[in-house]
Each structure stands twice: as C-alpha cells, then as structure tokens.
Protein backbone atom coordinates (compact mmCIF):
# COMPACT_ATOMS: atom_id res chain seq x y z
CA MET A 1 -18.75 55.56 -41.71
CA ALA A 2 -16.90 55.70 -45.56
CA ARG A 3 -15.21 52.49 -44.30
CA LEU A 4 -18.59 50.78 -43.60
CA ALA A 5 -19.85 51.78 -46.63
CA ARG A 6 -17.11 50.18 -48.85
CA LEU A 7 -17.57 46.94 -46.62
CA LEU A 8 -21.39 46.84 -47.17
CA ARG A 9 -20.60 47.78 -50.76
CA ASN A 10 -18.17 44.67 -51.47
CA ASP A 11 -20.51 42.08 -49.53
CA PRO A 12 -20.10 39.02 -51.70
CA GLN A 13 -23.59 37.61 -50.81
CA SER A 14 -25.54 40.75 -50.04
CA PRO A 15 -24.37 44.26 -51.08
CA ILE A 16 -25.61 47.19 -49.63
CA ASP A 17 -24.98 51.04 -51.48
CA LEU A 18 -24.53 52.73 -48.86
CA GLU A 19 -23.88 56.89 -49.36
CA VAL A 20 -22.62 58.95 -46.58
CA LYS A 21 -22.95 62.22 -46.71
CA ARG A 22 -23.72 65.10 -44.36
CA ILE A 23 -26.97 66.67 -44.22
CA LEU A 24 -29.19 69.34 -41.80
CA PRO A 25 -31.92 67.63 -40.44
CA ILE A 26 -34.54 70.24 -42.39
CA GLU A 27 -32.95 67.76 -45.90
CA LEU A 28 -33.93 64.70 -43.72
CA ASP A 29 -36.56 62.75 -45.76
CA PRO A 30 -36.92 59.00 -45.63
CA ALA A 31 -37.89 58.48 -49.25
CA GLU A 32 -33.94 59.57 -50.37
CA TYR A 33 -32.51 58.73 -46.77
CA PRO A 34 -34.22 55.90 -45.16
CA VAL A 35 -31.42 55.57 -42.65
CA THR A 36 -29.15 58.14 -40.89
CA HIS A 37 -26.78 57.95 -38.38
CA MET A 38 -25.90 60.74 -35.64
CA THR A 39 -22.63 60.85 -33.04
CA GLY A 40 -21.18 63.26 -31.36
CA THR A 41 -18.78 63.76 -28.71
CA ALA A 42 -20.32 66.37 -26.35
CA LYS A 43 -23.45 67.78 -24.94
CA PHE A 44 -25.05 69.77 -27.28
CA LEU A 45 -28.10 72.11 -27.66
CA VAL A 46 -30.41 71.93 -30.03
CA LYS A 47 -32.67 74.16 -31.96
CA GLN A 48 -36.31 73.40 -32.08
CA GLN A 49 -36.76 73.55 -35.85
CA ASP A 50 -34.04 70.59 -36.05
CA CYS A 51 -36.21 68.90 -33.70
CA ASP A 52 -39.71 69.72 -35.86
CA ASP A 53 -37.31 68.34 -39.11
CA LEU A 54 -36.26 65.43 -37.13
CA GLN A 55 -39.61 64.18 -35.74
CA LYS A 56 -40.86 64.65 -39.08
CA TYR A 57 -38.46 62.49 -40.39
CA LEU A 58 -39.38 59.76 -37.96
CA ASN A 59 -42.82 60.23 -37.68
CA ALA A 60 -42.40 59.60 -41.75
CA GLY A 61 -40.95 56.13 -41.79
CA GLY A 62 -36.72 57.74 -41.46
CA THR A 63 -34.75 55.83 -38.59
CA LEU A 64 -32.07 57.18 -36.73
CA ILE A 65 -29.19 55.71 -35.61
CA VAL A 66 -27.06 57.04 -32.42
CA ASP A 67 -23.68 56.31 -30.85
CA ALA A 68 -22.05 57.99 -28.41
CA SER A 69 -18.40 58.38 -29.72
CA GLY A 70 -16.06 57.39 -27.33
CA GLY A 71 -18.83 56.13 -24.83
CA ASN A 72 -19.31 60.23 -24.16
CA GLU A 73 -22.22 60.00 -21.16
CA ALA A 74 -22.63 64.15 -21.55
CA PHE A 75 -23.64 63.21 -25.70
CA THR A 76 -25.95 60.78 -24.49
CA ASP A 77 -27.95 62.31 -22.15
CA SER A 78 -28.48 65.37 -25.08
CA ILE A 79 -29.70 62.74 -27.03
CA ARG A 80 -32.16 61.08 -24.62
CA GLU A 81 -33.75 64.82 -23.43
CA MET A 82 -33.97 65.49 -27.14
CA LEU A 83 -35.70 62.42 -27.60
CA SER A 84 -38.41 63.02 -25.10
CA ARG A 85 -38.69 66.75 -26.11
CA MET A 86 -39.76 65.51 -29.33
CA TYR A 87 -41.64 62.10 -27.70
CA PRO A 88 -42.42 63.17 -24.11
CA ASP A 89 -44.66 60.11 -24.23
CA LEU A 90 -42.20 57.76 -25.34
CA HIS A 91 -39.14 56.21 -24.02
CA LEU A 92 -35.76 54.60 -24.95
CA ALA A 93 -36.24 50.50 -24.00
CA PRO A 94 -33.48 48.16 -24.50
CA LEU A 95 -33.83 45.77 -27.42
CA PRO A 96 -34.42 42.49 -25.50
CA PRO A 97 -31.81 39.48 -25.54
CA GLY A 98 -32.38 37.68 -29.07
CA HIS A 99 -34.34 40.52 -31.04
CA PRO A 100 -33.79 39.95 -35.09
CA LEU A 101 -30.78 42.89 -35.13
CA TYR A 102 -28.99 40.92 -32.43
CA LEU A 103 -29.80 37.51 -35.01
CA GLY A 104 -28.67 39.20 -37.68
CA ARG A 105 -31.62 37.29 -40.01
CA PHE A 106 -32.58 40.20 -42.01
CA ALA A 107 -35.42 39.00 -45.04
CA LYS A 108 -32.86 41.11 -47.05
CA GLY A 109 -29.96 38.42 -46.03
CA GLY A 110 -27.14 39.46 -44.86
CA GLY A 111 -26.37 40.69 -40.92
CA ASN A 112 -24.06 38.80 -38.10
CA ASP A 113 -24.85 37.55 -35.05
CA VAL A 114 -23.56 39.64 -32.40
CA GLN A 115 -25.81 38.55 -29.10
CA SER A 116 -22.14 38.32 -28.36
CA ILE A 117 -19.73 41.02 -28.60
CA THR A 118 -16.04 42.10 -27.70
CA PHE A 119 -15.37 45.33 -26.15
CA ARG A 120 -12.11 47.52 -25.69
CA LYS A 121 -9.96 47.15 -22.35
CA TYR A 122 -9.58 50.84 -21.90
CA GLY A 123 -13.95 50.52 -21.53
CA GLU A 124 -14.41 47.39 -19.71
CA LEU A 125 -11.54 48.89 -17.20
CA GLN A 126 -13.71 52.18 -16.79
CA LEU A 127 -16.83 50.81 -16.20
CA HIS A 128 -15.53 47.46 -13.66
CA GLU A 129 -17.13 45.21 -15.77
CA LYS A 130 -16.53 42.85 -18.79
CA VAL A 131 -18.93 43.39 -21.50
CA THR A 132 -20.12 40.35 -23.30
CA GLU A 133 -23.24 41.25 -24.83
CA PRO A 134 -24.59 44.60 -27.38
CA ALA A 135 -26.75 47.35 -25.43
CA ILE A 136 -28.97 48.89 -28.30
CA GLU A 137 -31.67 50.98 -26.82
CA ALA A 138 -34.41 51.87 -29.19
CA LEU A 139 -37.12 54.04 -29.57
CA THR A 140 -40.66 52.47 -31.15
CA LEU A 141 -42.95 54.70 -32.93
CA ASN A 142 -46.11 53.22 -34.51
CA GLY A 143 -44.67 49.92 -33.98
CA ARG A 144 -41.25 50.11 -35.78
CA PRO A 145 -38.12 50.71 -33.86
CA ALA A 146 -37.12 54.93 -35.33
CA VAL A 147 -34.44 55.61 -33.29
CA LEU A 148 -31.62 53.14 -32.77
CA LEU A 149 -29.08 54.44 -30.03
CA SER A 150 -26.03 52.88 -28.20
CA LYS A 151 -24.21 54.61 -25.12
CA TYR A 152 -21.50 52.93 -26.09
CA ASP A 153 -18.66 54.00 -29.47
CA ILE A 154 -19.52 52.54 -32.52
CA THR A 155 -18.01 55.24 -34.52
CA SER A 156 -14.30 55.14 -33.60
CA GLY A 157 -14.33 50.75 -34.21
CA LEU A 158 -15.64 51.80 -37.76
CA LEU A 159 -11.63 53.03 -38.65
CA GLY A 160 -10.73 49.65 -38.16
CA THR A 161 -8.48 50.23 -34.92
CA ASP A 162 -9.27 49.39 -31.21
CA THR A 163 -7.64 53.37 -30.08
CA TRP A 164 -7.40 53.19 -26.27
CA GLY A 165 -9.32 56.17 -24.44
CA ILE A 166 -12.86 54.42 -25.58
CA ILE A 167 -15.17 53.36 -23.75
CA GLY A 168 -16.90 51.36 -27.08
CA TYR A 169 -17.14 47.95 -28.82
CA SER A 170 -14.11 46.70 -30.62
CA SER A 171 -13.55 47.56 -34.01
CA LYS A 172 -14.94 43.82 -35.58
CA SER A 173 -18.30 44.05 -33.11
CA SER A 174 -18.70 47.65 -33.90
CA VAL A 175 -18.40 47.03 -37.86
CA ASP A 176 -20.77 43.73 -37.29
CA LEU A 177 -22.99 46.64 -35.20
CA ALA A 178 -23.38 49.37 -37.57
CA GLU A 179 -23.96 46.67 -40.50
CA ASN A 180 -27.10 44.81 -38.30
CA MET A 181 -28.13 48.03 -37.44
CA ILE A 182 -28.32 49.38 -40.79
CA ARG A 183 -30.16 46.18 -42.26
CA PHE A 184 -32.62 46.34 -39.72
CA ALA A 185 -33.87 49.84 -40.84
CA LEU A 186 -33.66 48.83 -44.41
CA ASP A 187 -35.17 45.26 -43.64
CA LYS A 188 -38.85 46.56 -44.53
C-alpha cells in the first residue's frame, strides 16, 4: 500500500494524498478514513465487537476494500462469513461489465480502463483458465457499494513484482485496479 500511496500522490493529472496507517476497527471513522483496506492469507475469526465497529463504519458511509492476498480462498470465505453475519439480508454481487469502476471514469478525475486485465501465469495455471476481465464483487448499502471484494490477489501486485505462487492480477493490473477502487470509493 505504501508504494500505491506514492504512485497516487505523484499522479500528475489527479493526485490523491493516501495515508497508509494500521488501525483497529474501533478506530474507523469515515470522516477521517473514508476508505480502508483489509487483506489476509488465511481463515480468520472475528470478534463481535469488531463486526459491530466495522458495521457502524460502513453504515456511516465508509468503504472497505478487501482482497485475498495470494488468492487465498479461506480468507475470502472468512470475509463472506463475516459480512453475512453483519448483513444477513444483503449479499455480495459481481460488478457488471461496463461498471464505472472498470471504466475508470470518475468525477474527480484519474482512473484507468481496467475492463481488460492481465493475470499472473501461476494463477491461470491453478484456475485452468485465462483470466482477462476483473472480478470485483460489491456489497451495496443504501445504494452505494460499501464493500469491494477481490477474491484474487491485488496486494502482492502492488509491490511491483510478479512473484510466482500468487493467484491474482499482474502487477500493473493490480495497481490500476487498486487505484480505481480507491478513486471510486472517494468519488462522492
């Protein structure tokens, strides 16, 4: 995330001053942190208080961006369980092709056309398919996507490397997707 923050700060057309800081769910305040990011590599258990704090943040207008580091399915399953516990009547749904997040068109400028992406070779071998389109899901609250989830790795790609053993987007596609997710969340 630190590398992405530098890239966004140095964007000559539409810079974003992104602060990268580790915080606890109880500290989440959409006025101070309109966007927060969560990633992980394994199954996890969450305390009810953390769910309550995160739900309060999301209900108040905050946006949570989530990706499964390495493409870890157990982490993605844990996120889905946590969200269904917080919002039993709501479900994650894939963003449709042509969604503004994929088009990279934002009122405040910036963004990338990510309707077509590149994927890591290892990931395609593991999935037994060529991945050419992004797969972002959203949990919509009050008409706005409050949670953006990628079951494929974005975080490792932000390092600027294409490390083997990762089921996820290439480095360039990871940076472009992460930038669009942040710009989309801030485009209010």
